[in-house]
Amino acid sequence: MNRGASGQVTNLLRRWSKGDLRAADRLFRLVYDELRTLAVRQLRGERSDHTLRPTALVHEAFLRLATHREVIWRNRIQFFALAAQAIRRVLVDHARARLAEKRAGSWQRVALEEEAAVEGPRELDLISLEAALEELSAVDPDKVRQVELRFFGGLSVDEAAEVLGVSASTLAREWRMTRAWLYRRLAESEAA
């Protein structure tokens, strides 16, 4: 997205914060392609008969964002950070619902992007990832935010660093440690 469009997103977010629902509609049309790209990336590793499609994921995530009336929208990066959280929640809720339907049914798998992989399997169990993130949240919630922003939200190191209020080099270093910790937990979960 170019700088002009980014400024337009920020303007629409601010208008939406003030209650302008037309701004929310225009915002959705403006960011739809980027959100859909995130959704496609998150669903890429799912099984072929997966019932959640990118369009449905985008719409559900945006609806969840729209219900947060208390949010004061500041800028594009904040919006995509919160969109990443919403996408994560939709995917996890969908995986849990599917698992509940099958009563110990099959795992929901999501492709782990090349840049996020440490070593090992190219796919991971979304429910195990959520459990690991909940465990990590008890110790260091900022690390969970890193995963939401980078993995679920697709933000660059620079964008995620801006959201978290740290330098890009600090985030890059912490991101490597976070990925290693998650990989170890997921490998332990898979072995169990």
C-alpha atoms as a PDB file:
ATOM      1  CA  MET A   1       0.000   0.000   0.000  1.00  0.00           C
ATOM      2  CA  ASN A   2       1.431   3.371  -0.960  1.00  0.00           C
ATOM      3  CA  ARG A   3       1.824   6.289   1.417  1.00  0.00           C
ATOM      4  CA  GLY A   4      -1.272   8.082   0.082  1.00  0.00           C
ATOM      5  CA  ALA A   5      -3.469   5.029   0.605  1.00  0.00           C
ATOM      6  CA  SER A   6      -1.946   4.536   4.054  1.00  0.00           C
ATOM      7  CA  GLY A   7      -2.907   8.108   4.934  1.00  0.00           C
ATOM      8  CA  GLN A   8      -6.395   7.474   3.610  1.00  0.00           C
ATOM      9  CA  VAL A   9      -6.676   4.389   5.852  1.00  0.00           C
ATOM     10  CA  THR A  10      -5.618   6.475   8.857  1.00  0.00           C
ATOM     11  CA  ASN A  11      -8.162   9.177   7.990  1.00  0.00           C
ATOM     12  CA  LEU A  12     -10.953   6.610   7.623  1.00  0.00           C
ATOM     13  CA  LEU A  13      -9.970   4.928  10.899  1.00  0.00           C
ATOM     14  CA  ARG A  14     -10.161   8.229  12.754  1.00  0.00           C
ATOM     15  CA  ARG A  15     -13.562   9.003  11.222  1.00  0.00           C
ATOM     16  CA  TRP A  16     -14.766   5.516  12.136  1.00  0.00           C
ATOM     17  CA  SER A  17     -13.610   6.095  15.748  1.00  0.00           C
ATOM     18  CA  LYS A  18     -15.914   9.107  15.822  1.00  0.00           C
ATOM     19  CA  GLY A  19     -18.871   6.973  14.758  1.00  0.00           C
ATOM     20  CA  ASP A  20     -18.872   7.479  10.986  1.00  0.00           C
ATOM     21  CA  LEU A  21     -20.121   4.117   9.717  1.00  0.00           C
ATOM     22  CA  ARG A  22     -19.681   5.149   6.088  1.00  0.00           C
ATOM     23  CA  ALA A  23     -15.977   5.527   6.861  1.00  0.00           C
ATOM     24  CA  ALA A  24     -15.961   1.918   8.129  1.00  0.00           C
ATOM     25  CA  ASP A  25     -17.525   0.763   4.857  1.00  0.00           C
ATOM     26  CA  ARG A  26     -14.986   2.684   2.785  1.00  0.00           C
ATOM     27  CA  LEU A  27     -12.168   1.389   4.992  1.00  0.00           C
ATOM     28  CA  PHE A  28     -13.270  -2.192   4.463  1.00  0.00           C
ATOM     29  CA  ARG A  29     -13.208  -1.739   0.689  1.00  0.00           C
ATOM     30  CA  LEU A  30      -9.784  -0.082   0.877  1.00  0.00           C
ATOM     31  CA  VAL A  31      -8.086  -2.739   3.050  1.00  0.00           C
ATOM     32  CA  TYR A  32      -9.988  -5.758   1.776  1.00  0.00           C
ATOM     33  CA  ASP A  33      -7.266  -6.954  -0.613  1.00  0.00           C
ATOM     34  CA  GLU A  34      -4.574  -6.782   2.085  1.00  0.00           C
ATOM     35  CA  LEU A  35      -6.790  -8.603   4.588  1.00  0.00           C
ATOM     36  CA  ARG A  36      -7.635 -11.242   1.995  1.00  0.00           C
ATOM     37  CA  THR A  37      -3.928 -11.750   1.275  1.00  0.00           C
ATOM     38  CA  LEU A  38      -3.394 -12.381   5.009  1.00  0.00           C
ATOM     39  CA  ALA A  39      -6.329 -14.798   5.051  1.00  0.00           C
ATOM     40  CA  VAL A  40      -5.043 -16.719   2.019  1.00  0.00           C
ATOM     41  CA  ARG A  41      -1.614 -17.013   3.646  1.00  0.00           C
ATOM     42  CA  GLN A  42      -3.121 -18.313   6.894  1.00  0.00           C
ATOM     43  CA  LEU A  43      -5.329 -20.843   5.118  1.00  0.00           C
ATOM     44  CA  ARG A  44      -2.669 -22.030   2.651  1.00  0.00           C
ATOM     45  CA  GLY A  45      -1.648 -25.014   4.778  1.00  0.00           C
ATOM     46  CA  GLU A  46      -5.166 -26.132   5.624  1.00  0.00           C
ATOM     47  CA  ARG A  47      -6.636 -29.312   4.229  1.00  0.00           C
ATOM     48  CA  SER A  48      -8.421 -28.999   0.877  1.00  0.00           C
ATOM     49  CA  ASP A  49     -11.874 -29.619   2.377  1.00  0.00           C
ATOM     50  CA  HIS A  50     -11.450 -26.886   4.995  1.00  0.00           C
ATOM     51  CA  THR A  51     -14.799 -25.145   5.447  1.00  0.00           C
ATOM     52  CA  LEU A  52     -13.445 -21.665   6.181  1.00  0.00           C
ATOM     53  CA  ARG A  53     -12.533 -19.710   3.054  1.00  0.00           C
ATOM     54  CA  PRO A  54     -10.417 -16.537   2.818  1.00  0.00           C
ATOM     55  CA  THR A  55     -13.431 -14.331   2.124  1.00  0.00           C
ATOM     56  CA  ALA A  56     -15.294 -15.686   5.155  1.00  0.00           C
ATOM     57  CA  LEU A  57     -12.176 -15.272   7.321  1.00  0.00           C
ATOM     58  CA  VAL A  58     -11.807 -11.629   6.232  1.00  0.00           C
ATOM     59  CA  HIS A  59     -15.466 -10.847   6.837  1.00  0.00           C
ATOM     60  CA  GLU A  60     -15.547 -12.532  10.244  1.00  0.00           C
ATOM     61  CA  ALA A  61     -12.330 -10.815  11.363  1.00  0.00           C
ATOM     62  CA  PHE A  62     -13.614  -7.421  10.203  1.00  0.00           C
ATOM     63  CA  LEU A  63     -16.924  -7.980  11.995  1.00  0.00           C
ATOM     64  CA  ARG A  64     -15.023  -8.736  15.185  1.00  0.00           C
ATOM     65  CA  LEU A  65     -13.045  -5.526  14.739  1.00  0.00           C
ATOM     66  CA  ALA A  66     -16.256  -3.585  14.189  1.00  0.00           C
ATOM     67  CA  THR A  67     -17.683  -4.775  17.505  1.00  0.00           C
ATOM     68  CA  HIS A  68     -14.836  -3.149  19.454  1.00  0.00           C
ATOM     69  CA  ARG A  69     -16.553   0.170  20.007  1.00  0.00           C
ATOM     70  CA  GLU A  70     -14.014   1.256  22.619  1.00  0.00           C
ATOM     71  CA  VAL A  71     -11.067   1.139  20.208  1.00  0.00           C
ATOM     72  CA  ILE A  72      -9.650   4.509  19.261  1.00  0.00           C
ATOM     73  CA  TRP A  73      -8.190   3.885  15.830  1.00  0.00           C
ATOM     74  CA  ARG A  74      -4.859   5.641  15.313  1.00  0.00           C
ATOM     75  CA  ASN A  75      -3.282   4.371  12.101  1.00  0.00           C
ATOM     76  CA  ARG A  76      -2.932   1.608   9.542  1.00  0.00           C
ATOM     77  CA  ILE A  77      -0.343  -0.354  11.519  1.00  0.00           C
ATOM     78  CA  GLN A  78      -2.517  -0.430  14.647  1.00  0.00           C
ATOM     79  CA  PHE A  79      -5.465  -1.539  12.516  1.00  0.00           C
ATOM     80  CA  PHE A  80      -3.518  -4.436  11.001  1.00  0.00           C
ATOM     81  CA  ALA A  81      -2.165  -5.396  14.429  1.00  0.00           C
ATOM     82  CA  LEU A  82      -5.720  -5.721  15.718  1.00  0.00           C
ATOM     83  CA  ALA A  83      -6.770  -7.441  12.493  1.00  0.00           C
ATOM     84  CA  ALA A  84      -4.035 -10.016  13.141  1.00  0.00           C
ATOM     85  CA  GLN A  85      -5.526 -10.717  16.569  1.00  0.00           C
ATOM     86  CA  ALA A  86      -8.997 -11.041  15.074  1.00  0.00           C
ATOM     87  CA  ILE A  87      -7.769 -13.443  12.370  1.00  0.00           C
ATOM     88  CA  ARG A  88      -6.038 -15.551  15.022  1.00  0.00           C
ATOM     89  CA  ARG A  89      -9.213 -15.714  17.119  1.00  0.00           C
ATOM     90  CA  VAL A  90     -11.386 -16.669  14.138  1.00  0.00           C
ATOM     91  CA  LEU A  91      -9.002 -19.457  13.118  1.00  0.00           C
ATOM     92  CA  VAL A  92      -8.682 -20.824  16.643  1.00  0.00           C
ATOM     93  CA  ASP A  93     -12.442 -20.658  17.254  1.00  0.00           C
ATOM     94  CA  HIS A  94     -13.029 -22.447  13.956  1.00  0.00           C
ATOM     95  CA  ALA A  95     -10.471 -25.146  14.801  1.00  0.00           C
ATOM     96  CA  ARG A  96     -11.972 -25.668  18.256  1.00  0.00           C
ATOM     97  CA  ALA A  97     -15.502 -25.881  16.852  1.00  0.00           C
ATOM     98  CA  ARG A  98     -14.403 -28.419  14.260  1.00  0.00           C
ATOM     99  CA  LEU A  99     -12.592 -30.441  16.916  1.00  0.00           C
ATOM    100  CA  ALA A 100     -15.641 -30.373  19.172  1.00  0.00           C
ATOM    101  CA  GLU A 101     -17.790 -31.571  16.265  1.00  0.00           C
ATOM    102  CA  LYS A 102     -15.570 -34.549  15.656  1.00  0.00           C
ATOM    103  CA  ARG A 103     -14.996 -35.357  19.354  1.00  0.00           C
ATOM    104  CA  ALA A 104     -11.230 -35.629  19.179  1.00  0.00           C
ATOM    105  CA  GLY A 105     -11.244 -35.262  15.412  1.00  0.00           C
ATOM    106  CA  SER A 106      -8.369 -34.378  13.167  1.00  0.00           C
ATOM    107  CA  TRP A 107      -5.936 -31.531  13.695  1.00  0.00           C
ATOM    108  CA  GLN A 108      -6.416 -28.209  12.001  1.00  0.00           C
ATOM    109  CA  ARG A 109      -3.182 -27.428  10.185  1.00  0.00           C
ATOM    110  CA  VAL A 110      -1.797 -24.077   9.094  1.00  0.00           C
ATOM    111  CA  ALA A 111       1.325 -23.637   6.964  1.00  0.00           C
ATOM    112  CA  LEU A 112       4.197 -22.104   8.869  1.00  0.00           C
ATOM    113  CA  GLU A 113       5.682 -19.418   6.631  1.00  0.00           C
ATOM    114  CA  GLU A 114       9.270 -19.928   5.551  1.00  0.00           C
ATOM    115  CA  GLU A 115      10.453 -16.859   7.460  1.00  0.00           C
ATOM    116  CA  ALA A 116       8.815 -18.096  10.649  1.00  0.00           C
ATOM    117  CA  ALA A 117      10.179 -21.636  10.466  1.00  0.00           C
ATOM    118  CA  VAL A 118      13.085 -22.624  12.669  1.00  0.00           C
ATOM    119  CA  GLU A 119      13.500 -26.210  11.471  1.00  0.00           C
ATOM    120  CA  GLY A 120      11.214 -29.162  11.252  1.00  0.00           C
ATOM    121  CA  PRO A 121       7.647 -29.597  10.090  1.00  0.00           C
ATOM    122  CA  ARG A 122       6.182 -27.176   7.530  1.00  0.00           C
ATOM    123  CA  GLU A 123       2.752 -27.394   9.177  1.00  0.00           C
ATOM    124  CA  LEU A 124       1.593 -27.006  12.725  1.00  0.00           C
ATOM    125  CA  ASP A 125      -1.458 -27.818  14.778  1.00  0.00           C
ATOM    126  CA  LEU A 126      -3.381 -24.571  15.331  1.00  0.00           C
ATOM    127  CA  ILE A 127      -4.882 -25.743  18.613  1.00  0.00           C
ATOM    128  CA  SER A 128      -1.422 -26.716  19.915  1.00  0.00           C
ATOM    129  CA  LEU A 129      -0.127 -23.333  18.766  1.00  0.00           C
ATOM    130  CA  GLU A 130      -2.923 -21.598  20.680  1.00  0.00           C
ATOM    131  CA  ALA A 131      -2.114 -23.631  23.814  1.00  0.00           C
ATOM    132  CA  ALA A 132       1.560 -22.713  23.481  1.00  0.00           C
ATOM    133  CA  LEU A 133       0.647 -19.044  23.009  1.00  0.00           C
ATOM    134  CA  GLU A 134      -1.550 -19.149  26.123  1.00  0.00           C
ATOM    135  CA  GLU A 135       1.367 -20.643  28.059  1.00  0.00           C
ATOM    136  CA  LEU A 136       3.717 -17.995  26.693  1.00  0.00           C
ATOM    137  CA  SER A 137       1.198 -15.258  27.498  1.00  0.00           C
ATOM    138  CA  ALA A 138       1.398 -16.109  31.191  1.00  0.00           C
ATOM    139  CA  VAL A 139       5.137 -15.472  31.095  1.00  0.00           C
ATOM    140  CA  ASP A 140       5.575 -12.798  28.430  1.00  0.00           C
ATOM    141  CA  PRO A 141       2.490 -11.329  26.684  1.00  0.00           C
ATOM    142  CA  ASP A 142       4.705  -9.203  24.404  1.00  0.00           C
ATOM    143  CA  LYS A 143       6.057 -12.354  22.786  1.00  0.00           C
ATOM    144  CA  VAL A 144       2.498 -13.436  21.973  1.00  0.00           C
ATOM    145  CA  ARG A 145       1.894 -10.036  20.375  1.00  0.00           C
ATOM    146  CA  GLN A 146       4.983 -10.653  18.224  1.00  0.00           C
ATOM    147  CA  VAL A 147       3.453 -13.881  16.938  1.00  0.00           C
ATOM    148  CA  GLU A 148       0.109 -12.200  16.298  1.00  0.00           C
ATOM    149  CA  LEU A 149       1.716  -9.359  14.414  1.00  0.00           C
ATOM    150  CA  ARG A 150       4.309 -11.304  12.423  1.00  0.00           C
ATOM    151  CA  PHE A 151       2.677 -14.712  11.854  1.00  0.00           C
ATOM    152  CA  PHE A 152      -1.058 -13.967  11.901  1.00  0.00           C
ATOM    153  CA  GLY A 153      -0.878 -10.346  10.783  1.00  0.00           C
ATOM    154  CA  GLY A 154       1.922 -10.554   8.271  1.00  0.00           C
ATOM    155  CA  LEU A 155       3.525  -7.331   9.533  1.00  0.00           C
ATOM    156  CA  SER A 156       7.172  -6.728   8.744  1.00  0.00           C
ATOM    157  CA  VAL A 157       9.759  -6.505  11.513  1.00  0.00           C
ATOM    158  CA  ASP A 158       9.713  -2.704  11.204  1.00  0.00           C
ATOM    159  CA  GLU A 159       5.910  -2.493  11.368  1.00  0.00           C
ATOM    160  CA  ALA A 160       5.657  -4.892  14.308  1.00  0.00           C
ATOM    161  CA  ALA A 161       8.441  -3.029  16.130  1.00  0.00           C
ATOM    162  CA  GLU A 162       6.512   0.212  15.697  1.00  0.00           C
ATOM    163  CA  VAL A 163       3.347  -1.331  17.150  1.00  0.00           C
ATOM    164  CA  LEU A 164       5.264  -2.791  20.108  1.00  0.00           C
ATOM    165  CA  GLY A 165       7.331   0.347  20.673  1.00  0.00           C
ATOM    166  CA  VAL A 166      10.721  -1.339  20.343  1.00  0.00           C
ATOM    167  CA  SER A 167      13.566  -1.084  17.855  1.00  0.00           C
ATOM    168  CA  ALA A 168      13.542  -3.331  14.805  1.00  0.00           C
ATOM    169  CA  SER A 169      16.802  -4.959  15.884  1.00  0.00           C
ATOM    170  CA  THR A 170      15.370  -5.763  19.326  1.00  0.00           C
ATOM    171  CA  LEU A 171      12.263  -7.245  17.766  1.00  0.00           C
ATOM    172  CA  ALA A 172      14.284  -9.301  15.273  1.00  0.00           C
ATOM    173  CA  ARG A 173      16.381 -10.753  18.110  1.00  0.00           C
ATOM    174  CA  GLU A 174      13.337 -11.488  20.280  1.00  0.00           C
ATOM    175  CA  TRP A 175      11.443 -12.933  17.294  1.00  0.00           C
ATOM    176  CA  ARG A 176      14.201 -15.514  16.754  1.00  0.00           C
ATOM    177  CA  MET A 177      13.978 -16.557  20.422  1.00  0.00           C
ATOM    178  CA  THR A 178      10.173 -16.650  20.334  1.00  0.00           C
ATOM    179  CA  ARG A 179      10.154 -18.864  17.230  1.00  0.00           C
ATOM    180  CA  ALA A 180      12.663 -21.246  18.817  1.00  0.00           C
ATOM    181  CA  TRP A 181      10.599 -21.454  22.022  1.00  0.00           C
ATOM    182  CA  LEU A 182       7.399 -22.105  20.057  1.00  0.00           C
ATOM    183  CA  TYR A 183       9.047 -24.716  17.873  1.00  0.00           C
ATOM    184  CA  ARG A 184      10.296 -26.567  20.949  1.00  0.00           C
ATOM    185  CA  ARG A 185       6.832 -26.469  22.596  1.00  0.00           C
ATOM    186  CA  LEU A 186       5.092 -27.616  19.427  1.00  0.00           C
ATOM    187  CA  ALA A 187       7.589 -30.433  18.933  1.00  0.00           C
ATOM    188  CA  GLU A 188       6.972 -31.542  22.538  1.00  0.00           C
ATOM    189  CA  SER A 189       3.224 -31.398  21.957  1.00  0.00           C
ATOM    190  CA  GLU A 190       3.491 -33.444  18.784  1.00  0.00           C
ATOM    191  CA  ALA A 191       5.669 -36.038  20.530  1.00  0.00           C
ATOM    192  CA  ALA A 192       3.190 -36.392  23.422  1.00  0.00           C
END
